[in-house]
Full PDB file with SEQRES, HELIX, SHEET, SSBOND, CRYST1, ORIGX, SCALE, CONECT and MASTER records, all heavy atoms in Angstrom:
SEQRES   1 A   42  ILE SER ARG ASP ASN ASP LYS ASN THR VAL PHE LEU GLN          
SEQRES   2 A   42  MET ASN SER LEU LYS SER THR ASP SER ALA THR TYR SER          
SEQRES   3 A   42  CYS HIS ALA LEU TYR ASN TRP ARG ALA TRP TRP GLY GLN          
SEQRES   4 A   42  GLY THR GLN                                                  
HELIX    1 AA1 ASN A    5  LYS A    7  5                                   3    
HELIX    2 AA2 SER A   19  ASP A   21  5                                   3    
SHEET    1 AA1 2 SER A   2  ASP A   4  0                                        
SHEET    2 AA1 2 THR A   9  PHE A  11 -1                                        
SHEET    1 AA2 2 HIS A  28  TYR A  31  0                                        
SHEET    2 AA2 2 ARG A  34  TRP A  37 -1                                        
CRYST1    1.000    1.000    1.000  90.00  90.00  90.00 P 1           1          
ORIGX1      1.000000  0.000000  0.000000        0.00000                         
ORIGX2      0.000000  1.000000  0.000000        0.00000                         
ORIGX3      0.000000  0.000000  1.000000        0.00000                         
SCALE1      1.000000  0.000000  0.000000        0.00000                         
SCALE2      0.000000  1.000000  0.000000        0.00000                         
SCALE3      0.000000  0.000000  1.000000        0.00000                         
ATOM      1  N   ILE A   1    -108.663  10.514 -42.583  1.00  0.00           N  
ATOM      2  CA  ILE A   1    -109.224  10.990 -43.860  1.00  0.00           C  
ATOM      3  C   ILE A   1    -109.271  12.438 -43.940  1.00  0.00           C  
ATOM      4  O   ILE A   1    -109.524  13.158 -42.892  1.00  0.00           O  
ATOM      5  CB  ILE A   1    -110.647  10.311 -44.117  1.00  0.00           C  
ATOM      6  CG1 ILE A   1    -111.175  10.581 -45.488  1.00  0.00           C  
ATOM      7  CG2 ILE A   1    -111.666  10.837 -43.035  1.00  0.00           C  
ATOM      8  CD1 ILE A   1    -112.483   9.848 -45.837  1.00  0.00           C  
ATOM      9  N   SER A   2    -108.974  13.031 -45.104  1.00  0.00           N  
ATOM     10  CA  SER A   2    -108.949  14.504 -45.214  1.00  0.00           C  
ATOM     11  C   SER A   2    -109.270  14.807 -46.702  1.00  0.00           C  
ATOM     12  O   SER A   2    -109.312  13.929 -47.543  1.00  0.00           O  
ATOM     13  CB  SER A   2    -107.608  15.042 -44.859  1.00  0.00           C  
ATOM     14  OG  SER A   2    -106.594  14.580 -45.712  1.00  0.00           O  
ATOM     15  N   ARG A   3    -109.493  16.071 -47.002  1.00  0.00           N  
ATOM     16  CA  ARG A   3    -109.715  16.520 -48.308  1.00  0.00           C  
ATOM     17  C   ARG A   3    -109.020  17.787 -48.662  1.00  0.00           C  
ATOM     18  O   ARG A   3    -108.670  18.572 -47.806  1.00  0.00           O  
ATOM     19  CB  ARG A   3    -111.232  16.704 -48.523  1.00  0.00           C  
ATOM     20  CG  ARG A   3    -111.862  17.746 -47.730  1.00  0.00           C  
ATOM     21  CD  ARG A   3    -113.267  18.072 -48.270  1.00  0.00           C  
ATOM     22  NE  ARG A   3    -114.318  17.218 -47.665  1.00  0.00           N  
ATOM     23  CZ  ARG A   3    -115.186  16.579 -48.392  1.00  0.00           C  
ATOM     24  NH1 ARG A   3    -115.128  16.589 -49.718  1.00  0.00           N  
ATOM     25  NH2 ARG A   3    -116.127  15.878 -47.832  1.00  0.00           N  
ATOM     26  N   ASP A   4    -108.672  17.873 -49.913  1.00  0.00           N  
ATOM     27  CA  ASP A   4    -108.094  19.165 -50.484  1.00  0.00           C  
ATOM     28  C   ASP A   4    -109.052  19.627 -51.558  1.00  0.00           C  
ATOM     29  O   ASP A   4    -109.107  19.028 -52.678  1.00  0.00           O  
ATOM     30  CB  ASP A   4    -106.702  18.856 -51.077  1.00  0.00           C  
ATOM     31  CG  ASP A   4    -105.972  20.117 -51.547  1.00  0.00           C  
ATOM     32  OD1 ASP A   4    -106.730  21.001 -52.004  1.00  0.00           O  
ATOM     33  OD2 ASP A   4    -104.813  20.145 -51.571  1.00  0.00           O  
ATOM     34  N   ASN A   5    -109.856  20.560 -51.238  1.00  0.00           N  
ATOM     35  CA  ASN A   5    -110.863  21.064 -52.116  1.00  0.00           C  
ATOM     36  C   ASN A   5    -110.281  21.663 -53.359  1.00  0.00           C  
ATOM     37  O   ASN A   5    -110.910  21.570 -54.443  1.00  0.00           O  
ATOM     38  CB  ASN A   5    -111.811  21.992 -51.424  1.00  0.00           C  
ATOM     39  CG  ASN A   5    -112.607  21.300 -50.319  1.00  0.00           C  
ATOM     40  OD1 ASN A   5    -112.827  20.167 -50.403  1.00  0.00           O  
ATOM     41  ND2 ASN A   5    -113.146  22.078 -49.422  1.00  0.00           N  
ATOM     42  N   ASP A   6    -109.177  22.325 -53.249  1.00  0.00           N  
ATOM     43  CA  ASP A   6    -108.607  22.893 -54.415  1.00  0.00           C  
ATOM     44  C   ASP A   6    -108.190  21.849 -55.478  1.00  0.00           C  
ATOM     45  O   ASP A   6    -108.187  22.089 -56.722  1.00  0.00           O  
ATOM     46  CB  ASP A   6    -107.323  23.707 -54.046  1.00  0.00           C  
ATOM     47  CG  ASP A   6    -107.668  24.992 -53.308  1.00  0.00           C  
ATOM     48  OD1 ASP A   6    -108.838  25.419 -53.433  1.00  0.00           O  
ATOM     49  OD2 ASP A   6    -106.808  25.508 -52.590  1.00  0.00           O  
ATOM     50  N   LYS A   7    -107.815  20.647 -54.991  1.00  0.00           N  
ATOM     51  CA  LYS A   7    -107.342  19.599 -55.862  1.00  0.00           C  
ATOM     52  C   LYS A   7    -108.575  18.605 -56.190  1.00  0.00           C  
ATOM     53  O   LYS A   7    -108.383  17.658 -56.889  1.00  0.00           O  
ATOM     54  CB  LYS A   7    -106.185  18.821 -55.249  1.00  0.00           C  
ATOM     55  CG  LYS A   7    -104.977  19.634 -55.151  1.00  0.00           C  
ATOM     56  CD  LYS A   7    -103.788  18.840 -54.566  1.00  0.00           C  
ATOM     57  CE  LYS A   7    -102.563  19.601 -54.492  1.00  0.00           C  
ATOM     58  NZ  LYS A   7    -101.439  18.880 -53.863  1.00  0.00           N  
ATOM     59  N   ASN A   8    -109.711  18.858 -55.502  1.00  0.00           N  
ATOM     60  CA  ASN A   8    -110.870  18.032 -55.611  1.00  0.00           C  
ATOM     61  C   ASN A   8    -110.439  16.576 -55.372  1.00  0.00           C  
ATOM     62  O   ASN A   8    -110.800  15.600 -56.088  1.00  0.00           O  
ATOM     63  CB  ASN A   8    -111.466  18.096 -57.074  1.00  0.00           C  
ATOM     64  CG  ASN A   8    -112.919  17.703 -57.098  1.00  0.00           C  
ATOM     65  OD1 ASN A   8    -113.655  17.837 -56.076  1.00  0.00           O  
ATOM     66  ND2 ASN A   8    -113.330  17.166 -58.215  1.00  0.00           N  
ATOM     67  N   THR A   9    -109.779  16.415 -54.253  1.00  0.00           N  
ATOM     68  CA  THR A   9    -109.239  15.114 -53.895  1.00  0.00           C  
ATOM     69  C   THR A   9    -109.465  14.859 -52.406  1.00  0.00           C  
ATOM     70  O   THR A   9    -109.382  15.739 -51.597  1.00  0.00           O  
ATOM     71  CB  THR A   9    -107.703  15.072 -54.179  1.00  0.00           C  
ATOM     72  OG1 THR A   9    -107.471  15.315 -55.600  1.00  0.00           O  
ATOM     73  CG2 THR A   9    -107.091  13.754 -53.796  1.00  0.00           C  
ATOM     74  N   VAL A  10    -109.722  13.598 -52.104  1.00  0.00           N  
ATOM     75  CA  VAL A  10    -109.866  13.097 -50.720  1.00  0.00           C  
ATOM     76  C   VAL A  10    -108.694  12.139 -50.492  1.00  0.00           C  
ATOM     77  O   VAL A  10    -108.363  11.256 -51.359  1.00  0.00           O  
ATOM     78  CB  VAL A  10    -111.221  12.426 -50.513  1.00  0.00           C  
ATOM     79  CG1 VAL A  10    -111.284  11.756 -49.149  1.00  0.00           C  
ATOM     80  CG2 VAL A  10    -112.307  13.481 -50.618  1.00  0.00           C  
ATOM     81  N   PHE A  11    -108.145  12.222 -49.335  1.00  0.00           N  
ATOM     82  CA  PHE A  11    -106.948  11.419 -48.984  1.00  0.00           C  
ATOM     83  C   PHE A  11    -107.299  10.474 -47.831  1.00  0.00           C  
ATOM     84  O   PHE A  11    -108.193  10.731 -46.993  1.00  0.00           O  
ATOM     85  CB  PHE A  11    -105.771  12.265 -48.550  1.00  0.00           C  
ATOM     86  CG  PHE A  11    -105.415  13.251 -49.592  1.00  0.00           C  
ATOM     87  CD1 PHE A  11    -105.740  14.569 -49.493  1.00  0.00           C  
ATOM     88  CD2 PHE A  11    -104.557  12.848 -50.636  1.00  0.00           C  
ATOM     89  CE1 PHE A  11    -105.362  15.521 -50.462  1.00  0.00           C  
ATOM     90  CE2 PHE A  11    -104.164  13.822 -51.601  1.00  0.00           C  
ATOM     91  CZ  PHE A  11    -104.556  15.059 -51.512  1.00  0.00           C  
ATOM     92  N   LEU A  12    -106.562   9.374 -47.766  1.00  0.00           N  
ATOM     93  CA  LEU A  12    -106.646   8.498 -46.653  1.00  0.00           C  
ATOM     94  C   LEU A  12    -105.186   8.174 -46.235  1.00  0.00           C  
ATOM     95  O   LEU A  12    -104.455   7.432 -46.958  1.00  0.00           O  
ATOM     96  CB  LEU A  12    -107.357   7.144 -47.009  1.00  0.00           C  
ATOM     97  CG  LEU A  12    -107.542   6.219 -45.784  1.00  0.00           C  
ATOM     98  CD1 LEU A  12    -108.560   6.831 -44.710  1.00  0.00           C  
ATOM     99  CD2 LEU A  12    -108.038   4.828 -46.232  1.00  0.00           C  
ATOM    100  N   GLN A  13    -104.779   8.799 -45.139  1.00  0.00           N  
ATOM    101  CA  GLN A  13    -103.430   8.544 -44.602  1.00  0.00           C  
ATOM    102  C   GLN A  13    -103.593   7.345 -43.728  1.00  0.00           C  
ATOM    103  O   GLN A  13    -104.394   7.298 -42.727  1.00  0.00           O  
ATOM    104  CB  GLN A  13    -102.996   9.740 -43.768  1.00  0.00           C  
ATOM    105  CG  GLN A  13    -101.651   9.595 -43.113  1.00  0.00           C  
ATOM    106  CD  GLN A  13    -100.528   9.485 -44.080  1.00  0.00           C  
ATOM    107  OE1 GLN A  13    -100.495  10.272 -45.045  1.00  0.00           O  
ATOM    108  NE2 GLN A  13     -99.588   8.572 -43.828  1.00  0.00           N  
ATOM    109  N   MET A  14    -102.735   6.348 -43.964  1.00  0.00           N  
ATOM    110  CA  MET A  14    -102.758   5.095 -43.200  1.00  0.00           C  
ATOM    111  C   MET A  14    -101.449   4.892 -42.550  1.00  0.00           C  
ATOM    112  O   MET A  14    -100.376   4.766 -43.224  1.00  0.00           O  
ATOM    113  CB  MET A  14    -103.074   3.925 -44.188  1.00  0.00           C  
ATOM    114  CG  MET A  14    -104.328   4.146 -45.008  1.00  0.00           C  
ATOM    115  SD  MET A  14    -104.812   2.658 -45.977  1.00  0.00           S  
ATOM    116  CE  MET A  14    -103.388   2.565 -47.043  1.00  0.00           C  
ATOM    117  N   ASN A  15    -101.407   4.845 -41.241  1.00  0.00           N  
ATOM    118  CA  ASN A  15    -100.212   4.653 -40.428  1.00  0.00           C  
ATOM    119  C   ASN A  15    -100.256   3.341 -39.603  1.00  0.00           C  
ATOM    120  O   ASN A  15    -101.315   2.756 -39.461  1.00  0.00           O  
ATOM    121  CB  ASN A  15     -99.994   5.836 -39.454  1.00  0.00           C  
ATOM    122  CG  ASN A  15     -99.937   7.156 -40.189  1.00  0.00           C  
ATOM    123  OD1 ASN A  15     -99.265   7.284 -41.263  1.00  0.00           O  
ATOM    124  ND2 ASN A  15    -100.482   8.184 -39.616  1.00  0.00           N  
ATOM    125  N   SER A  16     -99.123   2.891 -39.160  1.00  0.00           N  
ATOM    126  CA  SER A  16     -99.052   1.700 -38.353  1.00  0.00           C  
ATOM    127  C   SER A  16     -99.803   0.509 -39.032  1.00  0.00           C  
ATOM    128  O   SER A  16    -100.588  -0.132 -38.394  1.00  0.00           O  
ATOM    129  CB  SER A  16     -99.651   1.948 -36.960  1.00  0.00           C  
ATOM    130  OG  SER A  16     -98.987   3.042 -36.352  1.00  0.00           O  
ATOM    131  N   LEU A  17     -99.524   0.349 -40.262  1.00  0.00           N  
ATOM    132  CA  LEU A  17    -100.259  -0.630 -40.993  1.00  0.00           C  
ATOM    133  C   LEU A  17     -99.991  -2.044 -40.558  1.00  0.00           C  
ATOM    134  O   LEU A  17     -98.874  -2.385 -40.126  1.00  0.00           O  
ATOM    135  CB  LEU A  17     -99.932  -0.534 -42.560  1.00  0.00           C  
ATOM    136  CG  LEU A  17    -100.598   0.673 -43.230  1.00  0.00           C  
ATOM    137  CD1 LEU A  17     -99.856   1.022 -44.494  1.00  0.00           C  
ATOM    138  CD2 LEU A  17    -102.070   0.396 -43.432  1.00  0.00           C  
ATOM    139  N   LYS A  18    -100.988  -2.876 -40.618  1.00  0.00           N  
ATOM    140  CA  LYS A  18    -100.969  -4.227 -40.193  1.00  0.00           C  
ATOM    141  C   LYS A  18    -101.302  -5.146 -41.400  1.00  0.00           C  
ATOM    142  O   LYS A  18    -101.868  -4.673 -42.410  1.00  0.00           O  
ATOM    143  CB  LYS A  18    -102.032  -4.472 -39.143  1.00  0.00           C  
ATOM    144  CG  LYS A  18    -101.945  -3.561 -37.938  1.00  0.00           C  
ATOM    145  CD  LYS A  18    -103.086  -3.818 -36.995  1.00  0.00           C  
ATOM    146  CE  LYS A  18    -103.066  -2.866 -35.813  1.00  0.00           C  
ATOM    147  NZ  LYS A  18    -104.202  -3.068 -34.941  1.00  0.00           N  
ATOM    148  N   SER A  19    -100.910  -6.395 -41.320  1.00  0.00           N  
ATOM    149  CA  SER A  19    -101.246  -7.311 -42.429  1.00  0.00           C  
ATOM    150  C   SER A  19    -102.737  -7.419 -42.663  1.00  0.00           C  
ATOM    151  O   SER A  19    -103.228  -7.581 -43.760  1.00  0.00           O  
ATOM    152  CB  SER A  19    -100.701  -8.697 -42.079  1.00  0.00           C  
ATOM    153  OG  SER A  19    -101.256  -9.220 -40.861  1.00  0.00           O  
ATOM    154  N   THR A  20    -103.531  -7.217 -41.598  1.00  0.00           N  
ATOM    155  CA  THR A  20    -104.973  -7.266 -41.726  1.00  0.00           C  
ATOM    156  C   THR A  20    -105.561  -6.046 -42.469  1.00  0.00           C  
ATOM    157  O   THR A  20    -106.712  -6.046 -42.820  1.00  0.00           O  
ATOM    158  CB  THR A  20    -105.648  -7.319 -40.366  1.00  0.00           C  
ATOM    159  OG1 THR A  20    -105.123  -6.337 -39.498  1.00  0.00           O  
ATOM    160  CG2 THR A  20    -105.403  -8.692 -39.734  1.00  0.00           C  
ATOM    161  N   ASP A  21    -104.714  -5.058 -42.776  1.00  0.00           N  
ATOM    162  CA  ASP A  21    -105.154  -3.910 -43.543  1.00  0.00           C  
ATOM    163  C   ASP A  21    -105.040  -4.177 -45.058  1.00  0.00           C  
ATOM    164  O   ASP A  21    -105.497  -3.362 -45.893  1.00  0.00           O  
ATOM    165  CB  ASP A  21    -104.361  -2.645 -43.238  1.00  0.00           C  
ATOM    166  CG  ASP A  21    -104.586  -2.166 -41.788  1.00  0.00           C  
ATOM    167  OD1 ASP A  21    -105.773  -2.137 -41.345  1.00  0.00           O  
ATOM    168  OD2 ASP A  21    -103.581  -1.808 -41.133  1.00  0.00           O  
ATOM    169  N   SER A  22    -104.363  -5.281 -45.429  1.00  0.00           N  
ATOM    170  CA  SER A  22    -104.235  -5.587 -46.838  1.00  0.00           C  
ATOM    171  C   SER A  22    -105.618  -5.799 -47.490  1.00  0.00           C  
ATOM    172  O   SER A  22    -106.458  -6.546 -46.959  1.00  0.00           O  
ATOM    173  CB  SER A  22    -103.421  -6.864 -47.003  1.00  0.00           C  
ATOM    174  OG  SER A  22    -102.133  -6.773 -46.517  1.00  0.00           O  
ATOM    175  N   ALA A  23    -105.833  -5.131 -48.560  1.00  0.00           N  
ATOM    176  CA  ALA A  23    -107.093  -5.138 -49.263  1.00  0.00           C  
ATOM    177  C   ALA A  23    -107.052  -4.239 -50.493  1.00  0.00           C  
ATOM    178  O   ALA A  23    -106.089  -3.521 -50.685  1.00  0.00           O  
ATOM    179  CB  ALA A  23    -108.224  -4.613 -48.284  1.00  0.00           C  
ATOM    180  N   THR A  24    -108.128  -4.259 -51.264  1.00  0.00           N  
ATOM    181  CA  THR A  24    -108.326  -3.294 -52.312  1.00  0.00           C  
ATOM    182  C   THR A  24    -109.133  -2.165 -51.727  1.00  0.00           C  
ATOM    183  O   THR A  24    -110.227  -2.445 -51.214  1.00  0.00           O  
ATOM    184  CB  THR A  24    -109.030  -3.924 -53.512  1.00  0.00           C  
ATOM    185  OG1 THR A  24    -108.257  -4.987 -54.083  1.00  0.00           O  
ATOM    186  CG2 THR A  24    -109.291  -2.858 -54.561  1.00  0.00           C  
ATOM    187  N   TYR A  25    -108.605  -0.927 -51.846  1.00  0.00           N  
ATOM    188  CA  TYR A  25    -109.291   0.249 -51.236  1.00  0.00           C  
ATOM    189  C   TYR A  25    -109.960   0.943 -52.437  1.00  0.00           C  
ATOM    190  O   TYR A  25    -109.312   1.306 -53.364  1.00  0.00           O  
ATOM    191  CB  TYR A  25    -108.280   1.039 -50.502  1.00  0.00           C  
ATOM    192  CG  TYR A  25    -107.855   0.469 -49.190  1.00  0.00           C  
ATOM    193  CD1 TYR A  25    -107.017  -0.598 -49.154  1.00  0.00           C  
ATOM    194  CD2 TYR A  25    -108.320   1.038 -48.006  1.00  0.00           C  
ATOM    195  CE1 TYR A  25    -106.646  -1.189 -47.902  1.00  0.00           C  
ATOM    196  CE2 TYR A  25    -107.929   0.523 -46.766  1.00  0.00           C  
ATOM    197  CZ  TYR A  25    -107.114  -0.568 -46.720  1.00  0.00           C  
ATOM    198  OH  TYR A  25    -106.730  -1.088 -45.491  1.00  0.00           O  
ATOM    199  N   SER A  26    -111.217   1.374 -52.132  1.00  0.00           N  
ATOM    200  CA  SER A  26    -111.987   2.126 -53.147  1.00  0.00           C  
ATOM    201  C   SER A  26    -112.663   3.296 -52.498  1.00  0.00           C  
ATOM    202  O   SER A  26    -113.113   3.230 -51.345  1.00  0.00           O  
ATOM    203  CB  SER A  26    -113.060   1.197 -53.750  1.00  0.00           C  
ATOM    204  OG  SER A  26    -112.502   0.044 -54.365  1.00  0.00           O  
ATOM    205  N   CYS A  27    -112.735   4.368 -53.273  1.00  0.00           N  
ATOM    206  CA  CYS A  27    -113.475   5.491 -52.750  1.00  0.00           C  
ATOM    207  C   CYS A  27    -114.841   5.561 -53.403  1.00  0.00           C  
ATOM    208  O   CYS A  27    -115.072   5.002 -54.464  1.00  0.00           O  
ATOM    209  CB  CYS A  27    -112.755   6.827 -52.960  1.00  0.00           C  
ATOM    210  SG  CYS A  27    -112.384   7.227 -54.705  1.00  0.00           S  
ATOM    211  N   HIS A  28    -115.806   6.195 -52.695  1.00  0.00           N  
ATOM    212  CA  HIS A  28    -117.207   6.143 -53.065  1.00  0.00           C  
ATOM    213  C   HIS A  28    -117.859   7.494 -52.721  1.00  0.00           C  
ATOM    214  O   HIS A  28    -117.551   8.111 -51.775  1.00  0.00           O  
ATOM    215  CB  HIS A  28    -117.892   5.045 -52.238  1.00  0.00           C  
ATOM    216  CG  HIS A  28    -119.384   5.115 -52.145  1.00  0.00           C  
ATOM    217  ND1 HIS A  28    -119.987   5.803 -51.167  1.00  0.00           N  
ATOM    218  CD2 HIS A  28    -120.339   4.584 -52.954  1.00  0.00           C  
ATOM    219  CE1 HIS A  28    -121.332   5.706 -51.346  1.00  0.00           C  
ATOM    220  NE2 HIS A  28    -121.512   4.960 -52.405  1.00  0.00           N  
ATOM    221  N   ALA A  29    -118.731   7.953 -53.612  1.00  0.00           N  
ATOM    222  CA  ALA A  29    -119.569   9.118 -53.383  1.00  0.00           C  
ATOM    223  C   ALA A  29    -120.861   9.006 -53.984  1.00  0.00           C  
ATOM    224  O   ALA A  29    -121.010   8.299 -55.045  1.00  0.00           O  
ATOM    225  CB  ALA A  29    -118.853  10.372 -53.896  1.00  0.00           C  
ATOM    226  N   LEU A  30    -121.903   9.553 -53.467  1.00  0.00           N  
ATOM    227  CA  LEU A  30    -123.230   9.594 -54.068  1.00  0.00           C  
ATOM    228  C   LEU A  30    -123.456  10.901 -54.818  1.00  0.00           C  
ATOM    229  O   LEU A  30    -123.076  11.999 -54.324  1.00  0.00           O  
ATOM    230  CB  LEU A  30    -124.311   9.494 -52.923  1.00  0.00           C  
ATOM    231  CG  LEU A  30    -124.401   8.219 -52.212  1.00  0.00           C  
ATOM    232  CD1 LEU A  30    -125.414   8.264 -51.062  1.00  0.00           C  
ATOM    233  CD2 LEU A  30    -124.726   7.045 -53.098  1.00  0.00           C  
ATOM    234  N   TYR A  31    -123.919  10.798 -55.979  1.00  0.00           N  
ATOM    235  CA  TYR A  31    -124.130  12.002 -56.795  1.00  0.00           C  
ATOM    236  C   TYR A  31    -125.209  11.694 -57.886  1.00  0.00           C  
ATOM    237  O   TYR A  31    -125.148  10.643 -58.462  1.00  0.00           O  
ATOM    238  CB  TYR A  31    -122.832  12.400 -57.479  1.00  0.00           C  
ATOM    239  CG  TYR A  31    -122.901  13.520 -58.404  1.00  0.00           C  
ATOM    240  CD1 TYR A  31    -123.057  14.804 -57.886  1.00  0.00           C  
ATOM    241  CD2 TYR A  31    -122.792  13.440 -59.762  1.00  0.00           C  
ATOM    242  CE1 TYR A  31    -123.160  15.971 -58.734  1.00  0.00           C  
ATOM    243  CE2 TYR A  31    -122.834  14.546 -60.608  1.00  0.00           C  
ATOM    244  CZ  TYR A  31    -123.041  15.799 -60.101  1.00  0.00           C  
ATOM    245  OH  TYR A  31    -123.079  16.900 -60.946  1.00  0.00           O  
ATOM    246  N   ASN A  32    -126.061  12.652 -58.039  1.00  0.00           N  
ATOM    247  CA  ASN A  32    -127.207  12.433 -59.005  1.00  0.00           C  
ATOM    248  C   ASN A  32    -127.896  11.140 -58.765  1.00  0.00           C  
ATOM    249  O   ASN A  32    -128.190  10.403 -59.723  1.00  0.00           O  
ATOM    250  CB  ASN A  32    -126.686  12.525 -60.434  1.00  0.00           C  
ATOM    251  CG  ASN A  32    -126.511  13.937 -60.930  1.00  0.00           C  
ATOM    252  OD1 ASN A  32    -126.936  14.891 -60.242  1.00  0.00           O  
ATOM    253  ND2 ASN A  32    -125.944  14.118 -62.119  1.00  0.00           N  
ATOM    254  N   TRP A  33    -128.184  10.797 -57.499  1.00  0.00           N  
ATOM    255  CA  TRP A  33    -129.002   9.680 -57.169  1.00  0.00           C  
ATOM    256  C   TRP A  33    -128.393   8.346 -57.457  1.00  0.00           C  
ATOM    257  O   TRP A  33    -129.119   7.284 -57.596  1.00  0.00           O  
ATOM    258  CB  TRP A  33    -130.415   9.766 -57.810  1.00  0.00           C  
ATOM    259  CG  TRP A  33    -131.049  11.093 -57.475  1.00  0.00           C  
ATOM    260  CD1 TRP A  33    -131.232  12.182 -58.330  1.00  0.00           C  
ATOM    261  CD2 TRP A  33    -131.650  11.485 -56.236  1.00  0.00           C  
ATOM    262  NE1 TRP A  33    -131.853  13.158 -57.702  1.00  0.00           N  
ATOM    263  CE2 TRP A  33    -132.124  12.786 -56.412  1.00  0.00           C  
ATOM    264  CE3 TRP A  33    -131.788  10.875 -55.011  1.00  0.00           C  
ATOM    265  CZ2 TRP A  33    -132.726  13.541 -55.347  1.00  0.00           C  
ATOM    266  CZ3 TRP A  33    -132.387  11.583 -53.997  1.00  0.00           C  
ATOM    267  CH2 TRP A  33    -132.860  12.856 -54.141  1.00  0.00           C  
ATOM    268  N   ARG A  34    -127.081   8.322 -57.608  1.00  0.00           N  
ATOM    269  CA  ARG A  34    -126.439   6.999 -57.767  1.00  0.00           C  
ATOM    270  C   ARG A  34    -125.088   7.014 -57.109  1.00  0.00           C  
ATOM    271  O   ARG A  34    -124.566   8.047 -56.797  1.00  0.00           O  
ATOM    272  CB  ARG A  34    -126.265   6.669 -59.296  1.00  0.00           C  
ATOM    273  CG  ARG A  34    -125.404   7.571 -60.112  1.00  0.00           C  
ATOM    274  CD  ARG A  34    -124.835   6.954 -61.325  1.00  0.00           C  
ATOM    275  NE  ARG A  34    -123.772   5.933 -61.002  1.00  0.00           N  
ATOM    276  CZ  ARG A  34    -123.088   5.285 -61.912  1.00  0.00           C  
ATOM    277  NH1 ARG A  34    -123.319   5.417 -63.180  1.00  0.00           N  
ATOM    278  NH2 ARG A  34    -122.111   4.461 -61.503  1.00  0.00           N  
ATOM    279  N   ALA A  35    -124.597   5.841 -56.891  1.00  0.00           N  
ATOM    280  CA  ALA A  35    -123.308   5.657 -56.232  1.00  0.00           C  
ATOM    281  C   ALA A  35    -122.239   5.558 -57.272  1.00  0.00           C  
ATOM    282  O   ALA A  35    -122.387   4.927 -58.324  1.00  0.00           O  
ATOM    283  CB  ALA A  35    -123.350   4.342 -55.399  1.00  0.00           C  
ATOM    284  N   TRP A  36    -121.146   6.288 -56.963  1.00  0.00           N  
ATOM    285  CA  TRP A  36    -119.968   6.309 -57.865  1.00  0.00           C  
ATOM    286  C   TRP A  36    -118.787   5.668 -57.166  1.00  0.00           C  
ATOM    287  O   TRP A  36    -118.563   5.951 -55.966  1.00  0.00           O  
ATOM    288  CB  TRP A  36    -119.660   7.735 -58.299  1.00  0.00           C  
ATOM    289  CG  TRP A  36    -120.714   8.358 -59.117  1.00  0.00           C  
ATOM    290  CD1 TRP A  36    -121.730   9.080 -58.637  1.00  0.00           C  
ATOM    291  CD2 TRP A  36    -120.961   8.253 -60.528  1.00  0.00           C  
ATOM    292  NE1 TRP A  36    -122.564   9.469 -59.683  1.00  0.00           N  
ATOM    293  CE2 TRP A  36    -122.109   8.984 -60.838  1.00  0.00           C  
ATOM    294  CE3 TRP A  36    -120.204   7.666 -61.533  1.00  0.00           C  
ATOM    295  CZ2 TRP A  36    -122.537   9.125 -62.127  1.00  0.00           C  
ATOM    296  CZ3 TRP A  36    -120.716   7.802 -62.902  1.00  0.00           C  
ATOM    297  CH2 TRP A  36    -121.873   8.512 -63.132  1.00  0.00           C  
ATOM    298  N   TRP A  37    -118.106   4.820 -57.877  1.00  0.00           N  
ATOM    299  CA  TRP A  37    -116.933   4.111 -57.319  1.00  0.00           C  
ATOM    300  C   TRP A  37    -115.678   4.322 -58.214  1.00  0.00           C  
ATOM    301  O   TRP A  37    -115.817   4.343 -59.405  1.00  0.00           O  
ATOM    302  CB  TRP A  37    -117.177   2.658 -57.212  1.00  0.00           C  
ATOM    303  CG  TRP A  37    -118.232   2.272 -56.249  1.00  0.00           C  
ATOM    304  CD1 TRP A  37    -119.618   2.196 -56.524  1.00  0.00           C  
ATOM    305  CD2 TRP A  37    -118.108   1.920 -54.835  1.00  0.00           C  
ATOM    306  NE1 TRP A  37    -120.331   1.824 -55.346  1.00  0.00           N  
ATOM    307  CE2 TRP A  37    -119.429   1.654 -54.312  1.00  0.00           C  
ATOM    308  CE3 TRP A  37    -117.035   1.846 -54.012  1.00  0.00           C  
ATOM    309  CZ2 TRP A  37    -119.589   1.260 -53.024  1.00  0.00           C  
ATOM    310  CZ3 TRP A  37    -117.209   1.429 -52.674  1.00  0.00           C  
ATOM    311  CH2 TRP A  37    -118.527   1.217 -52.216  1.00  0.00           C  
ATOM    312  N   GLY A  38    -114.579   4.349 -57.541  1.00  0.00           N  
ATOM    313  CA  GLY A  38    -113.302   4.288 -58.335  1.00  0.00           C  
ATOM    314  C   GLY A  38    -113.017   2.811 -58.646  1.00  0.00           C  
ATOM    315  O   GLY A  38    -113.701   1.930 -58.213  1.00  0.00           O  
ATOM    316  N   GLN A  39    -111.925   2.626 -59.335  1.00  0.00           N  
ATOM    317  CA  GLN A  39    -111.507   1.273 -59.776  1.00  0.00           C  
ATOM    318  C   GLN A  39    -110.757   0.520 -58.626  1.00  0.00           C  
ATOM    319  O   GLN A  39    -110.638  -0.680 -58.684  1.00  0.00           O  
ATOM    320  CB  GLN A  39    -110.618   1.389 -60.985  1.00  0.00           C  
ATOM    321  CG  GLN A  39    -109.160   1.661 -60.793  1.00  0.00           C  
ATOM    322  CD  GLN A  39    -108.897   3.076 -60.269  1.00  0.00           C  
ATOM    323  OE1 GLN A  39    -109.761   3.948 -60.395  1.00  0.00           O  
ATOM    324  NE2 GLN A  39    -107.668   3.340 -59.836  1.00  0.00           N  
ATOM    325  N   GLY A  40    -110.357   1.239 -57.643  1.00  0.00           N  
ATOM    326  CA  GLY A  40    -109.679   0.539 -56.470  1.00  0.00           C  
ATOM    327  C   GLY A  40    -108.181   0.645 -56.611  1.00  0.00           C  
ATOM    328  O   GLY A  40    -107.598   0.689 -57.726  1.00  0.00           O  
ATOM    329  N   THR A  41    -107.536   0.595 -55.466  1.00  0.00           N  
ATOM    330  CA  THR A  41    -106.088   0.591 -55.419  1.00  0.00           C  
ATOM    331  C   THR A  41    -105.633  -0.500 -54.392  1.00  0.00           C  
ATOM    332  O   THR A  41    -106.291  -0.571 -53.308  1.00  0.00           O  
ATOM    333  CB  THR A  41    -105.402   1.915 -55.107  1.00  0.00           C  
ATOM    334  OG1 THR A  41    -104.065   1.865 -55.185  1.00  0.00           O  
ATOM    335  CG2 THR A  41    -105.789   2.411 -53.721  1.00  0.00           C  
ATOM    336  N   GLN A  42    -104.733  -1.339 -54.756  1.00  0.00           N  
ATOM    337  CA  GLN A  42    -104.350  -2.465 -53.864  1.00  0.00           C  
ATOM    338  C   GLN A  42    -103.331  -2.030 -52.850  1.00  0.00           C  
ATOM    339  O   GLN A  42    -102.316  -1.404 -53.188  1.00  0.00           O  
ATOM    340  CB  GLN A  42    -103.746  -3.600 -54.722  1.00  0.00           C  
ATOM    341  CG  GLN A  42    -103.361  -4.822 -53.928  1.00  0.00           C  
ATOM    342  CD  GLN A  42    -104.489  -5.506 -53.274  1.00  0.00           C  
ATOM    343  OE1 GLN A  42    -105.579  -5.619 -53.880  1.00  0.00           O  
ATOM    344  NE2 GLN A  42    -104.293  -6.036 -52.117  1.00  0.00           N  
TER     345      GLN A  42                                                      
MASTER        0    0    0    2    4    0    0    6  344    1    0    4          
END                                                                             
């Protein structure tokens, strides 16, 4: 996991992927006392 602050983006580099890694991946952050979620990517 890494971030590019200039792009206001966080990355997840996934290598050596396995079938067990199949899932919907979502990012999450806490802000203003609540949890924020993206819509997910398969």
